[in-house]
Amino acid sequence: DLVKAMMKCLRRAQLSKPIETRYTKKELSVDDRKMQITARLRTLPKTFTFENLLEDCTSLHESIVTFLAVLELAKNHILVFSVDESETIWFERGMA
């Protein structure tokens, strides 16, 4: 369900803000993105969507790394996620 919702979310993001795909030497690791997301948790509302986390992504690579980072954050109970009936991915801060 989560992967299906993520794909739908990426499609919606692509329609509203097309992601330009190009080769670049700048790479973002999953660990770097986890640190960025953890830092942003202070400024995000208690519950927020996956789209909120994609707002600063400028490439498909960054979007995929963001998805992998939130999976690890969820695994470590830093984020808790749910998918609603419209397949929107919702997050809130976890117990860790």
N, C-alpha and C. Protein backbone atom coordinates (compact mmCIF):
# COMPACT_ATOMS: atom_id res chain seq x y z
N ASP A 1 0.82 -1.20 0.00
CA ASP A 1 0.00 0.00 0.00
C ASP A 1 0.86 1.26 0.00
N LEU A 2 1.95 1.22 0.79
CA LEU A 2 2.81 2.40 0.88
C LEU A 2 3.48 2.72 -0.45
N VAL A 3 3.98 1.70 -1.14
CA VAL A 3 4.63 1.93 -2.43
C VAL A 3 3.62 2.44 -3.45
N LYS A 4 2.42 1.88 -3.44
CA LYS A 4 1.36 2.33 -4.35
C LYS A 4 1.01 3.79 -4.07
N ALA A 5 0.90 4.15 -2.80
CA ALA A 5 0.60 5.53 -2.44
C ALA A 5 1.75 6.45 -2.82
N MET A 6 2.99 5.98 -2.64
CA MET A 6 4.15 6.80 -3.00
C MET A 6 4.17 7.07 -4.50
N MET A 7 3.86 6.05 -5.31
CA MET A 7 3.84 6.23 -6.75
C MET A 7 2.74 7.23 -7.16
N LYS A 8 1.58 7.15 -6.51
CA LYS A 8 0.51 8.09 -6.80
C LYS A 8 0.91 9.50 -6.39
N CYS A 9 1.57 9.61 -5.26
CA CYS A 9 2.05 10.91 -4.78
C CYS A 9 3.05 11.51 -5.76
N LEU A 10 3.99 10.69 -6.26
CA LEU A 10 4.96 11.18 -7.23
C LEU A 10 4.28 11.63 -8.51
N ARG A 11 3.24 10.89 -8.93
CA ARG A 11 2.49 11.30 -10.13
C ARG A 11 1.82 12.65 -9.92
N ARG A 12 1.20 12.84 -8.73
CA ARG A 12 0.57 14.13 -8.44
C ARG A 12 1.59 15.25 -8.42
N ALA A 13 2.75 14.99 -7.82
CA ALA A 13 3.80 16.00 -7.76
C ALA A 13 4.31 16.33 -9.15
N GLN A 14 4.42 15.32 -10.00
CA GLN A 14 4.89 15.55 -11.36
C GLN A 14 3.90 16.38 -12.16
N LEU A 15 2.62 16.19 -11.92
CA LEU A 15 1.62 16.99 -12.62
C LEU A 15 1.63 18.44 -12.15
N SER A 16 1.81 18.64 -10.84
CA SER A 16 1.78 20.01 -10.32
C SER A 16 3.12 20.72 -10.49
N LYS A 17 4.20 19.97 -10.45
CA LYS A 17 5.53 20.55 -10.58
C LYS A 17 6.41 19.51 -11.28
N PRO A 18 6.47 19.54 -12.60
CA PRO A 18 7.25 18.52 -13.31
C PRO A 18 8.70 18.47 -12.81
N ILE A 19 9.18 17.26 -12.63
CA ILE A 19 10.55 17.07 -12.17
C ILE A 19 11.44 16.89 -13.38
N GLU A 20 12.39 17.79 -13.51
CA GLU A 20 13.33 17.69 -14.61
C GLU A 20 14.37 16.64 -14.26
N THR A 21 14.57 15.69 -15.14
CA THR A 21 15.55 14.64 -14.90
C THR A 21 16.80 14.95 -15.71
N ARG A 22 17.92 15.01 -15.01
CA ARG A 22 19.18 15.28 -15.69
C ARG A 22 20.30 14.65 -14.87
N TYR A 23 21.43 14.46 -15.52
CA TYR A 23 22.58 13.90 -14.85
C TYR A 23 23.27 15.01 -14.07
N THR A 24 23.62 14.73 -12.86
CA THR A 24 24.33 15.71 -12.04
C THR A 24 25.32 14.98 -11.15
N LYS A 25 26.40 15.64 -10.81
CA LYS A 25 27.41 15.02 -9.95
C LYS A 25 27.05 15.13 -8.49
N LYS A 26 26.18 16.06 -8.14
CA LYS A 26 25.75 16.22 -6.76
C LYS A 26 24.87 15.04 -6.39
N GLU A 27 25.28 14.32 -5.36
CA GLU A 27 24.50 13.18 -4.92
C GLU A 27 24.06 13.41 -3.49
N LEU A 28 22.88 12.93 -3.19
CA LEU A 28 22.33 13.04 -1.85
C LEU A 28 22.18 11.64 -1.30
N SER A 29 22.83 11.37 -0.19
CA SER A 29 22.72 10.04 0.40
C SER A 29 21.47 9.95 1.27
N VAL A 30 21.06 8.74 1.54
CA VAL A 30 19.90 8.52 2.41
C VAL A 30 20.21 9.06 3.80
N ASP A 31 21.42 8.87 4.29
CA ASP A 31 21.78 9.40 5.62
C ASP A 31 21.72 10.92 5.66
N ASP A 32 22.20 11.58 4.60
CA ASP A 32 22.12 13.04 4.54
C ASP A 32 20.67 13.50 4.55
N ARG A 33 19.84 12.81 3.78
CA ARG A 33 18.42 13.21 3.70
C ARG A 33 17.71 12.96 5.04
N LYS A 34 18.08 11.87 5.72
CA LYS A 34 17.49 11.61 7.05
C LYS A 34 17.82 12.76 7.99
N MET A 35 19.05 13.26 7.95
CA MET A 35 19.43 14.38 8.81
C MET A 35 18.65 15.64 8.44
N GLN A 36 18.46 15.88 7.14
CA GLN A 36 17.69 17.05 6.70
C GLN A 36 16.24 16.96 7.18
N ILE A 37 15.65 15.79 7.03
CA ILE A 37 14.25 15.61 7.44
C ILE A 37 14.12 15.75 8.95
N THR A 38 15.04 15.15 9.69
CA THR A 38 15.01 15.24 11.16
C THR A 38 15.10 16.70 11.60
N ALA A 39 15.95 17.48 10.94
CA ALA A 39 16.05 18.90 11.27
C ALA A 39 14.76 19.65 10.95
N ARG A 40 14.09 19.26 9.86
CA ARG A 40 12.84 19.92 9.47
C ARG A 40 11.67 19.57 10.38
N LEU A 41 11.76 18.49 11.12
CA LEU A 41 10.64 18.07 11.98
C LEU A 41 10.24 19.17 12.96
N ARG A 42 11.18 20.01 13.36
CA ARG A 42 10.86 21.10 14.30
C ARG A 42 9.94 22.14 13.68
N THR A 43 10.01 22.29 12.36
CA THR A 43 9.21 23.34 11.71
C THR A 43 7.94 22.81 11.05
N LEU A 44 7.83 21.50 10.93
CA LEU A 44 6.64 20.91 10.32
C LEU A 44 5.52 20.78 11.34
N PRO A 45 4.27 20.83 10.89
CA PRO A 45 3.16 20.62 11.83
C PRO A 45 3.20 19.20 12.41
N LYS A 46 2.35 18.95 13.41
CA LYS A 46 2.34 17.64 14.06
C LYS A 46 2.10 16.52 13.06
N THR A 47 1.14 16.71 12.17
CA THR A 47 0.92 15.75 11.08
C THR A 47 1.18 16.47 9.76
N PHE A 48 1.81 15.77 8.84
CA PHE A 48 2.16 16.35 7.55
C PHE A 48 2.18 15.24 6.51
N THR A 49 2.14 15.64 5.26
CA THR A 49 2.08 14.67 4.17
C THR A 49 3.46 14.44 3.56
N PHE A 50 3.53 13.38 2.78
CA PHE A 50 4.77 13.10 2.05
C PHE A 50 5.09 14.24 1.09
N GLU A 51 4.05 14.85 0.52
CA GLU A 51 4.27 15.99 -0.38
C GLU A 51 5.00 17.13 0.33
N ASN A 52 4.72 17.33 1.64
CA ASN A 52 5.43 18.35 2.39
C ASN A 52 6.94 18.08 2.39
N LEU A 53 7.30 16.81 2.46
CA LEU A 53 8.72 16.46 2.46
C LEU A 53 9.34 16.58 1.07
N LEU A 54 8.51 16.55 0.04
CA LEU A 54 9.03 16.66 -1.33
C LEU A 54 9.16 18.11 -1.80
N GLU A 55 8.70 19.06 -1.01
CA GLU A 55 8.69 20.46 -1.45
C GLU A 55 10.07 20.98 -1.84
N ASP A 56 11.11 20.52 -1.17
CA ASP A 56 12.45 21.02 -1.49
C ASP A 56 13.21 20.12 -2.47
N CYS A 57 12.55 19.11 -2.99
CA CYS A 57 13.19 18.21 -3.96
C CYS A 57 13.13 18.82 -5.35
N THR A 58 14.26 18.80 -6.03
CA THR A 58 14.32 19.37 -7.39
C THR A 58 14.60 18.31 -8.44
N SER A 59 14.73 17.06 -8.03
CA SER A 59 15.01 16.00 -8.99
C SER A 59 14.33 14.70 -8.55
N LEU A 60 14.21 13.80 -9.48
CA LEU A 60 13.64 12.49 -9.18
C LEU A 60 14.52 11.76 -8.17
N HIS A 61 15.83 11.90 -8.32
CA HIS A 61 16.78 11.28 -7.37
C HIS A 61 16.48 11.72 -5.94
N GLU A 62 16.30 13.01 -5.73
CA GLU A 62 16.01 13.53 -4.38
C GLU A 62 14.69 12.99 -3.86
N SER A 63 13.69 12.85 -4.73
CA SER A 63 12.39 12.32 -4.31
C SER A 63 12.52 10.87 -3.86
N ILE A 64 13.28 10.09 -4.59
CA ILE A 64 13.47 8.68 -4.24
C ILE A 64 14.27 8.55 -2.95
N VAL A 65 15.32 9.35 -2.81
CA VAL A 65 16.12 9.33 -1.58
C VAL A 65 15.26 9.75 -0.39
N THR A 66 14.36 10.69 -0.59
CA THR A 66 13.46 11.11 0.47
C THR A 66 12.57 9.95 0.90
N PHE A 67 12.03 9.21 -0.06
CA PHE A 67 11.20 8.07 0.26
C PHE A 67 11.99 7.01 1.04
N LEU A 68 13.20 6.72 0.61
CA LEU A 68 14.03 5.74 1.32
C LEU A 68 14.38 6.23 2.73
N ALA A 69 14.62 7.53 2.86
CA ALA A 69 14.95 8.09 4.18
C ALA A 69 13.76 7.98 5.14
N VAL A 70 12.54 8.26 4.66
CA VAL A 70 11.39 8.16 5.56
C VAL A 70 11.10 6.72 5.93
N LEU A 71 11.42 5.77 5.05
CA LEU A 71 11.27 4.37 5.41
C LEU A 71 12.19 4.02 6.59
N GLU A 72 13.43 4.50 6.54
CA GLU A 72 14.35 4.25 7.64
C GLU A 72 13.92 4.98 8.91
N LEU A 73 13.44 6.20 8.76
CA LEU A 73 12.96 6.95 9.93
C LEU A 73 11.76 6.27 10.55
N ALA A 74 10.89 5.69 9.74
CA ALA A 74 9.74 4.95 10.25
C ALA A 74 10.20 3.67 10.94
N LYS A 75 11.18 3.01 10.36
CA LYS A 75 11.71 1.78 10.95
C LYS A 75 12.30 2.06 12.34
N ASN A 76 12.91 3.24 12.50
CA ASN A 76 13.51 3.63 13.78
C ASN A 76 12.53 4.36 14.69
N HIS A 77 11.26 4.39 14.32
CA HIS A 77 10.18 4.98 15.10
C HIS A 77 10.33 6.49 15.31
N ILE A 78 11.06 7.14 14.40
CA ILE A 78 11.17 8.60 14.45
C ILE A 78 9.96 9.21 13.77
N LEU A 79 9.45 8.53 12.75
CA LEU A 79 8.22 8.92 12.08
C LEU A 79 7.24 7.75 12.10
N VAL A 80 5.97 8.08 12.18
CA VAL A 80 4.90 7.09 12.07
C VAL A 80 4.07 7.52 10.87
N PHE A 81 3.74 6.56 10.00
CA PHE A 81 3.00 6.92 8.80
C PHE A 81 1.68 6.17 8.73
N SER A 82 0.77 6.75 7.95
CA SER A 82 -0.49 6.10 7.63
C SER A 82 -0.86 6.53 6.21
N VAL A 83 -1.68 5.74 5.57
CA VAL A 83 -2.15 6.04 4.21
C VAL A 83 -3.66 6.14 4.27
N ASP A 84 -4.20 7.28 3.83
CA ASP A 84 -5.65 7.45 3.90
C ASP A 84 -6.34 6.90 2.65
N GLU A 85 -7.66 7.05 2.60
CA GLU A 85 -8.45 6.48 1.51
C GLU A 85 -8.12 7.09 0.15
N SER A 86 -7.57 8.29 0.11
CA SER A 86 -7.18 8.90 -1.16
C SER A 86 -5.71 8.61 -1.49
N GLU A 87 -5.12 7.68 -0.74
CA GLU A 87 -3.74 7.23 -0.92
C GLU A 87 -2.73 8.34 -0.66
N THR A 88 -3.07 9.27 0.21
CA THR A 88 -2.14 10.27 0.66
C THR A 88 -1.37 9.69 1.83
N ILE A 89 -0.04 9.86 1.82
CA ILE A 89 0.80 9.35 2.91
C ILE A 89 0.92 10.46 3.95
N TRP A 90 0.51 10.15 5.19
CA TRP A 90 0.56 11.08 6.30
C TRP A 90 1.62 10.64 7.30
N PHE A 91 2.33 11.59 7.87
CA PHE A 91 3.35 11.31 8.87
C PHE A 91 3.08 12.10 10.14
N GLU A 92 3.55 11.56 11.25
CA GLU A 92 3.64 12.33 12.48
C GLU A 92 4.87 11.84 13.21
N ARG A 93 5.32 12.64 14.16
CA ARG A 93 6.53 12.28 14.90
C ARG A 93 6.28 11.03 15.72
N GLY A 94 7.29 10.17 15.77
CA GLY A 94 7.18 8.92 16.52
C GLY A 94 7.65 9.09 17.94
N MET A 95 7.91 7.97 18.59
CA MET A 95 8.29 7.96 19.99
C MET A 95 9.80 8.09 20.20
N ALA A 96 10.60 7.87 19.19
CA ALA A 96 12.06 7.91 19.38
C ALA A 96 12.58 9.31 19.50
